[in-house]
Amino acid sequence: MALHKSMPANFKTYGHKSVSIKDHPVRSGDSSRRFEVRAGDCSWTEGWNDCENDRERHELKSSTFSDGEYWFNWSLYLPENFPVIFPV
């Protein structure tokens, strides 16, 4: 399945990376996908603007689905020193 960035504008290179087990935590296998969102990581399209609506994100999407059933699973790693910024 081919994955592509879903943000049409302002996508940062650090926003999504495929990383190896030697440099980053991996739950299963030898690589993982790393997402990072920083202040100002917003995008816009005609009719919607993350930046004007206090939204920040990095996402991937796929356009290769066909008919049928799909199952996905993932794990989320948050280090012990992950800052909690309530109420986010």
N, C-alpha and C. Protein backbone atom coordinates (compact mmCIF):
# COMPACT_ATOMS: atom_id res chain seq x y z
N MET A 1 0.85 -1.18 0.00
CA MET A 1 0.00 0.00 0.00
C MET A 1 0.89 1.24 0.00
N ALA A 2 0.68 2.10 -0.95
CA ALA A 2 1.46 3.34 -1.03
C ALA A 2 0.81 4.41 -0.15
N LEU A 3 1.62 5.04 0.66
CA LEU A 3 1.14 6.11 1.53
C LEU A 3 1.72 7.43 1.05
N HIS A 4 0.91 8.48 1.14
CA HIS A 4 1.30 9.80 0.68
C HIS A 4 0.92 10.82 1.73
N LYS A 5 1.61 11.94 1.74
CA LYS A 5 1.25 13.00 2.68
C LYS A 5 -0.14 13.51 2.34
N SER A 6 -0.91 13.79 3.38
CA SER A 6 -2.28 14.28 3.16
C SER A 6 -2.38 15.79 3.25
N MET A 7 -1.36 16.43 3.79
CA MET A 7 -1.39 17.88 3.90
C MET A 7 -0.92 18.48 2.58
N PRO A 8 -1.76 19.24 1.90
CA PRO A 8 -1.38 19.75 0.59
C PRO A 8 -0.33 20.86 0.62
N ALA A 9 -0.22 21.54 1.74
CA ALA A 9 0.73 22.65 1.84
C ALA A 9 1.43 22.60 3.20
N ASN A 10 2.64 23.09 3.26
CA ASN A 10 3.37 23.28 4.51
C ASN A 10 3.79 21.97 5.18
N PHE A 11 3.90 20.87 4.44
CA PHE A 11 4.33 19.59 5.02
C PHE A 11 5.82 19.66 5.33
N LYS A 12 6.19 19.35 6.54
CA LYS A 12 7.59 19.43 6.97
C LYS A 12 8.27 18.07 6.80
N THR A 13 9.56 18.06 6.49
CA THR A 13 10.28 16.81 6.29
C THR A 13 10.35 15.99 7.58
N TYR A 14 10.35 16.63 8.75
CA TYR A 14 10.38 15.90 10.01
C TYR A 14 9.00 15.38 10.39
N GLY A 15 7.96 15.79 9.69
CA GLY A 15 6.59 15.43 10.03
C GLY A 15 6.31 13.94 9.99
N HIS A 16 6.92 13.24 9.05
CA HIS A 16 6.78 11.79 8.96
C HIS A 16 8.06 11.20 8.41
N LYS A 17 8.53 10.15 9.08
CA LYS A 17 9.73 9.45 8.63
C LYS A 17 9.57 7.96 8.91
N SER A 18 10.14 7.14 8.07
CA SER A 18 10.30 5.73 8.36
C SER A 18 11.65 5.61 9.06
N VAL A 19 11.68 5.07 10.27
CA VAL A 19 12.91 5.03 11.07
C VAL A 19 13.27 3.59 11.42
N SER A 20 14.55 3.35 11.66
CA SER A 20 15.03 2.00 11.95
C SER A 20 15.14 1.76 13.45
N ILE A 21 15.17 0.50 13.81
CA ILE A 21 15.23 0.09 15.21
C ILE A 21 16.50 0.57 15.90
N LYS A 22 17.57 0.79 15.14
CA LYS A 22 18.82 1.23 15.77
C LYS A 22 18.72 2.66 16.31
N ASP A 23 17.78 3.47 15.77
CA ASP A 23 17.68 4.87 16.18
C ASP A 23 16.41 5.22 16.94
N HIS A 24 15.38 4.39 16.83
CA HIS A 24 14.08 4.73 17.42
C HIS A 24 13.39 3.48 17.96
N PRO A 25 12.48 3.66 18.91
CA PRO A 25 11.74 2.51 19.44
C PRO A 25 10.90 1.84 18.34
N VAL A 26 10.89 0.52 18.37
CA VAL A 26 10.10 -0.28 17.43
C VAL A 26 9.44 -1.39 18.23
N ARG A 27 8.16 -1.58 18.07
CA ARG A 27 7.45 -2.62 18.82
C ARG A 27 7.59 -3.98 18.16
N SER A 28 7.53 -4.01 16.84
CA SER A 28 7.60 -5.27 16.10
C SER A 28 8.30 -5.00 14.78
N GLY A 29 9.19 -5.88 14.37
CA GLY A 29 9.92 -5.69 13.13
C GLY A 29 11.18 -4.88 13.34
N ASP A 30 11.69 -4.29 12.26
CA ASP A 30 12.95 -3.55 12.37
C ASP A 30 12.82 -2.08 12.01
N SER A 31 11.58 -1.61 11.81
CA SER A 31 11.37 -0.18 11.53
C SER A 31 10.01 0.24 12.05
N SER A 32 9.84 1.53 12.12
CA SER A 32 8.55 2.10 12.53
C SER A 32 8.35 3.42 11.80
N ARG A 33 7.15 3.95 11.89
CA ARG A 33 6.84 5.25 11.29
C ARG A 33 6.81 6.27 12.42
N ARG A 34 7.54 7.34 12.22
CA ARG A 34 7.65 8.37 13.25
C ARG A 34 6.95 9.63 12.76
N PHE A 35 6.01 10.12 13.56
CA PHE A 35 5.32 11.37 13.27
C PHE A 35 5.74 12.39 14.31
N GLU A 36 5.90 13.61 13.87
CA GLU A 36 6.24 14.70 14.79
C GLU A 36 5.45 15.93 14.38
N VAL A 37 4.83 16.57 15.35
CA VAL A 37 4.07 17.79 15.11
C VAL A 37 4.65 18.89 15.99
N ARG A 38 4.97 20.00 15.36
CA ARG A 38 5.49 21.16 16.08
C ARG A 38 4.53 22.33 15.89
N ALA A 39 4.69 23.33 16.72
CA ALA A 39 3.87 24.54 16.61
C ALA A 39 4.01 25.11 15.19
N GLY A 40 2.90 25.42 14.58
CA GLY A 40 2.89 25.99 13.23
C GLY A 40 2.79 24.96 12.12
N ASP A 41 2.72 23.66 12.45
CA ASP A 41 2.58 22.62 11.43
C ASP A 41 1.12 22.49 11.01
N CYS A 42 0.69 23.43 10.22
CA CYS A 42 -0.69 23.47 9.77
C CYS A 42 -0.72 23.52 8.25
N SER A 43 -1.87 23.27 7.69
CA SER A 43 -2.02 23.25 6.24
C SER A 43 -3.34 23.92 5.86
N TRP A 44 -3.59 24.01 4.56
CA TRP A 44 -4.81 24.65 4.10
C TRP A 44 -5.21 24.11 2.73
N THR A 45 -6.48 24.17 2.48
CA THR A 45 -7.05 23.86 1.17
C THR A 45 -8.16 24.88 0.93
N GLU A 46 -8.74 24.84 -0.23
CA GLU A 46 -9.87 25.73 -0.50
C GLU A 46 -11.01 25.35 0.43
N GLY A 47 -11.45 26.27 1.25
CA GLY A 47 -12.55 26.00 2.17
C GLY A 47 -12.14 25.62 3.58
N TRP A 48 -10.86 25.37 3.83
CA TRP A 48 -10.43 25.04 5.19
C TRP A 48 -8.98 25.49 5.39
N ASN A 49 -8.71 26.01 6.59
CA ASN A 49 -7.37 26.44 6.91
C ASN A 49 -7.06 26.04 8.35
N ASP A 50 -6.18 25.04 8.52
CA ASP A 50 -5.77 24.61 9.86
C ASP A 50 -5.20 25.77 10.65
N CYS A 51 -4.38 26.56 9.99
CA CYS A 51 -3.65 27.64 10.66
C CYS A 51 -4.59 28.66 11.30
N GLU A 52 -5.70 28.93 10.64
CA GLU A 52 -6.67 29.90 11.16
C GLU A 52 -7.62 29.27 12.18
N ASN A 53 -7.55 27.94 12.36
CA ASN A 53 -8.47 27.24 13.26
C ASN A 53 -7.75 26.50 14.38
N ASP A 54 -6.53 26.95 14.71
CA ASP A 54 -5.77 26.40 15.82
C ASP A 54 -5.58 24.88 15.71
N ARG A 55 -5.22 24.42 14.50
CA ARG A 55 -5.01 22.99 14.24
C ARG A 55 -3.59 22.77 13.73
N GLU A 56 -2.95 21.73 14.22
CA GLU A 56 -1.61 21.35 13.76
C GLU A 56 -1.60 19.85 13.56
N ARG A 57 -0.97 19.36 12.45
CA ARG A 57 -1.02 17.93 12.17
C ARG A 57 -0.02 17.53 11.10
N HIS A 58 0.25 16.23 11.06
CA HIS A 58 0.92 15.55 9.97
C HIS A 58 0.20 14.23 9.80
N GLU A 59 -0.18 13.89 8.58
CA GLU A 59 -0.96 12.70 8.30
C GLU A 59 -0.48 12.03 7.02
N LEU A 60 -0.83 10.76 6.88
CA LEU A 60 -0.61 10.04 5.63
C LEU A 60 -1.95 9.54 5.13
N LYS A 61 -2.03 9.33 3.83
CA LYS A 61 -3.25 8.77 3.26
C LYS A 61 -2.87 7.79 2.16
N SER A 62 -3.82 6.96 1.79
CA SER A 62 -3.62 6.01 0.70
C SER A 62 -4.78 6.11 -0.26
N SER A 63 -4.48 6.02 -1.53
CA SER A 63 -5.55 6.03 -2.54
C SER A 63 -5.57 4.70 -3.29
N THR A 64 -4.96 3.67 -2.71
CA THR A 64 -4.86 2.39 -3.40
C THR A 64 -5.85 1.35 -2.90
N PHE A 65 -6.79 1.72 -2.06
CA PHE A 65 -7.77 0.76 -1.57
C PHE A 65 -8.71 0.32 -2.68
N SER A 66 -9.09 -0.93 -2.62
CA SER A 66 -10.13 -1.43 -3.51
C SER A 66 -11.21 -2.04 -2.63
N ASP A 67 -12.21 -2.60 -3.24
CA ASP A 67 -13.29 -3.22 -2.47
C ASP A 67 -12.72 -4.31 -1.57
N GLY A 68 -13.33 -4.48 -0.42
CA GLY A 68 -12.89 -5.52 0.49
C GLY A 68 -12.79 -5.02 1.91
N GLU A 69 -12.31 -5.88 2.77
CA GLU A 69 -12.18 -5.57 4.18
C GLU A 69 -10.72 -5.32 4.51
N TYR A 70 -10.45 -4.30 5.30
CA TYR A 70 -9.09 -3.96 5.70
C TYR A 70 -9.01 -3.85 7.20
N TRP A 71 -7.93 -4.35 7.77
CA TRP A 71 -7.67 -4.25 9.19
C TRP A 71 -6.36 -3.51 9.39
N PHE A 72 -6.34 -2.61 10.33
CA PHE A 72 -5.14 -1.86 10.66
C PHE A 72 -4.91 -1.95 12.16
N ASN A 73 -3.67 -1.91 12.56
CA ASN A 73 -3.36 -1.80 13.98
C ASN A 73 -2.10 -0.97 14.12
N TRP A 74 -1.95 -0.38 15.27
CA TRP A 74 -0.76 0.43 15.51
C TRP A 74 -0.52 0.53 17.00
N SER A 75 0.68 0.91 17.32
CA SER A 75 1.07 1.17 18.70
C SER A 75 1.53 2.61 18.77
N LEU A 76 1.34 3.19 19.91
CA LEU A 76 1.75 4.58 20.12
C LEU A 76 2.79 4.59 21.24
N TYR A 77 3.95 5.15 20.95
CA TYR A 77 5.01 5.25 21.94
C TYR A 77 5.10 6.70 22.42
N LEU A 78 4.98 6.88 23.71
CA LEU A 78 5.19 8.18 24.34
C LEU A 78 6.27 7.99 25.40
N PRO A 79 7.39 8.69 25.28
CA PRO A 79 8.46 8.54 26.28
C PRO A 79 8.00 9.04 27.65
N GLU A 80 8.69 8.59 28.69
CA GLU A 80 8.32 8.98 30.05
C GLU A 80 8.31 10.49 30.25
N ASN A 81 9.15 11.21 29.52
CA ASN A 81 9.22 12.67 29.69
C ASN A 81 8.32 13.41 28.70
N PHE A 82 7.34 12.72 28.12
CA PHE A 82 6.42 13.36 27.17
C PHE A 82 5.63 14.45 27.89
N PRO A 83 5.65 15.68 27.36
CA PRO A 83 4.93 16.77 28.04
C PRO A 83 3.41 16.65 27.87
N VAL A 84 2.71 16.71 28.97
CA VAL A 84 1.24 16.69 28.94
C VAL A 84 0.79 18.15 28.84
N ILE A 85 0.03 18.44 27.81
CA ILE A 85 -0.43 19.82 27.61
C ILE A 85 -1.96 19.83 27.63
N PHE A 86 -2.50 19.57 28.81
CA PHE A 86 -3.94 19.54 29.03
C PHE A 86 -4.57 20.83 28.51
N PRO A 87 -5.69 20.76 27.83
CA PRO A 87 -6.59 19.65 27.62
C PRO A 87 -6.45 18.99 26.24
N VAL A 88 -5.31 19.08 25.62
CA VAL A 88 -5.14 18.49 24.29
C VAL A 88 -5.29 17.00 24.35
